[in-house]
Amino acid sequence: MNEPQQVNVDLSQAEDIVCENCKNYTFQEVALMKRLSALVSPTGKEALVPIPVFACNACGWINARFLPASMRGTAIAPPSADASQLKLEV
């Protein structure tokens, strides 16, 4: 039986990722929701599809790199923010 090989990684050499909006270092997993029409759903019924992403723990911002490629460049406002003042840069 093959055992998984242990890989040692020096995380001091890894890049820190910060919020593009407020420079905070912590994030929490949240879900974007997509509604799948019954016309394109494999079951023939409408479905809700959660897409897991990471949002800033301080301000709710979602960095562009955390979004699916098809959604990059789309403004996603934190819950309490004024969406007219926010934009994501690719």
Protein backbone atom coordinates (compact mmCIF):
# COMPACT_ATOMS: atom_id res chain seq x y z
CA MET A 1 0.00 0.00 0.00
CA ASN A 2 1.41 3.41 -0.99
CA GLU A 3 1.41 6.01 1.77
CA PRO A 4 1.04 9.70 0.88
CA GLN A 5 4.39 11.42 0.56
CA GLN A 6 5.01 14.27 3.02
CA VAL A 7 6.05 17.52 1.36
CA ASN A 8 7.75 20.20 3.43
CA VAL A 9 6.99 23.73 2.27
CA ASP A 10 8.61 26.86 3.70
CA LEU A 11 5.63 29.23 4.02
CA SER A 12 7.97 32.13 4.84
CA GLN A 13 8.72 32.12 1.11
CA ALA A 14 5.02 32.34 0.16
CA GLU A 15 3.31 35.58 -0.82
CA ASP A 16 0.89 37.10 1.71
CA ILE A 17 -2.51 37.85 0.21
CA VAL A 18 -4.27 40.95 1.50
CA CYS A 19 -7.65 42.52 0.84
CA GLU A 20 -7.49 44.76 -2.25
CA ASN A 21 -9.87 47.17 -0.53
CA CYS A 22 -8.61 47.55 3.07
CA LYS A 23 -5.30 45.58 3.19
CA ASN A 24 -6.61 43.19 5.87
CA TYR A 25 -4.89 39.77 6.07
CA THR A 26 -7.81 37.56 7.10
CA PHE A 27 -10.58 36.06 4.97
CA GLN A 28 -13.64 33.90 5.51
CA GLU A 29 -15.31 31.49 3.13
CA VAL A 30 -18.61 32.74 1.71
CA ALA A 31 -20.75 31.57 -1.18
CA LEU A 32 -21.88 33.36 -4.31
CA MET A 33 -25.16 31.94 -5.54
CA LYS A 34 -26.11 31.24 -9.15
CA ARG A 35 -29.59 30.29 -10.30
CA LEU A 36 -29.57 27.64 -12.99
CA SER A 37 -32.59 27.77 -15.25
CA ALA A 38 -34.64 24.62 -15.71
CA LEU A 39 -33.91 24.91 -19.45
CA VAL A 40 -30.18 24.28 -18.95
CA SER A 41 -30.26 22.23 -15.76
CA PRO A 42 -29.30 18.56 -16.15
CA THR A 43 -32.31 17.60 -14.02
CA GLY A 44 -34.78 19.77 -15.94
CA LYS A 45 -35.53 21.66 -12.71
CA GLU A 46 -34.36 25.07 -11.56
CA ALA A 47 -31.37 24.80 -9.24
CA LEU A 48 -29.35 27.05 -6.97
CA VAL A 49 -25.60 26.53 -7.29
CA PRO A 50 -23.29 27.79 -4.52
CA ILE A 51 -19.84 29.00 -5.60
CA PRO A 52 -17.40 29.10 -2.67
CA VAL A 53 -15.16 32.20 -2.55
CA PHE A 54 -13.23 34.08 0.13
CA ALA A 55 -14.31 37.52 1.39
CA CYS A 56 -12.32 39.91 3.57
CA ASN A 57 -13.09 39.34 7.22
CA ALA A 58 -12.94 43.10 7.92
CA CYS A 59 -14.81 44.74 5.04
CA GLY A 60 -16.46 41.92 3.04
CA TRP A 61 -14.54 42.65 -0.18
CA ILE A 62 -13.89 39.73 -2.56
CA ASN A 63 -10.52 40.01 -4.31
CA ALA A 64 -10.68 39.51 -8.07
CA ARG A 65 -8.31 36.51 -7.85
CA PHE A 66 -10.85 34.70 -5.63
CA LEU A 67 -13.65 34.99 -8.21
CA PRO A 68 -14.33 32.43 -10.94
CA ALA A 69 -12.75 33.58 -14.22
CA SER A 70 -16.18 34.25 -15.75
CA MET A 71 -16.97 36.78 -12.99
CA ARG A 72 -13.71 38.73 -12.87
CA GLY A 73 -14.20 42.39 -13.69
CA THR A 74 -17.66 42.35 -12.11
CA ALA A 75 -18.20 44.61 -9.11
CA ILE A 76 -19.30 42.70 -6.02
CA ALA A 77 -20.06 45.02 -3.13
CA PRO A 78 -19.69 44.05 0.52
CA PRO A 79 -23.04 43.91 2.31
CA SER A 80 -22.77 47.36 3.93
CA ALA A 81 -20.89 49.19 1.19
CA ASP A 82 -22.08 51.65 -1.40
CA ALA A 83 -21.73 49.70 -4.65
CA SER A 84 -21.28 52.89 -6.68
CA GLN A 85 -17.89 53.41 -5.02
CA LEU A 86 -16.55 49.87 -5.55
CA LYS A 87 -14.95 48.17 -8.50
CA LEU A 88 -12.80 45.10 -9.04
CA GLU A 89 -9.70 45.46 -11.11
CA VAL A 90 -8.42 42.57 -13.15
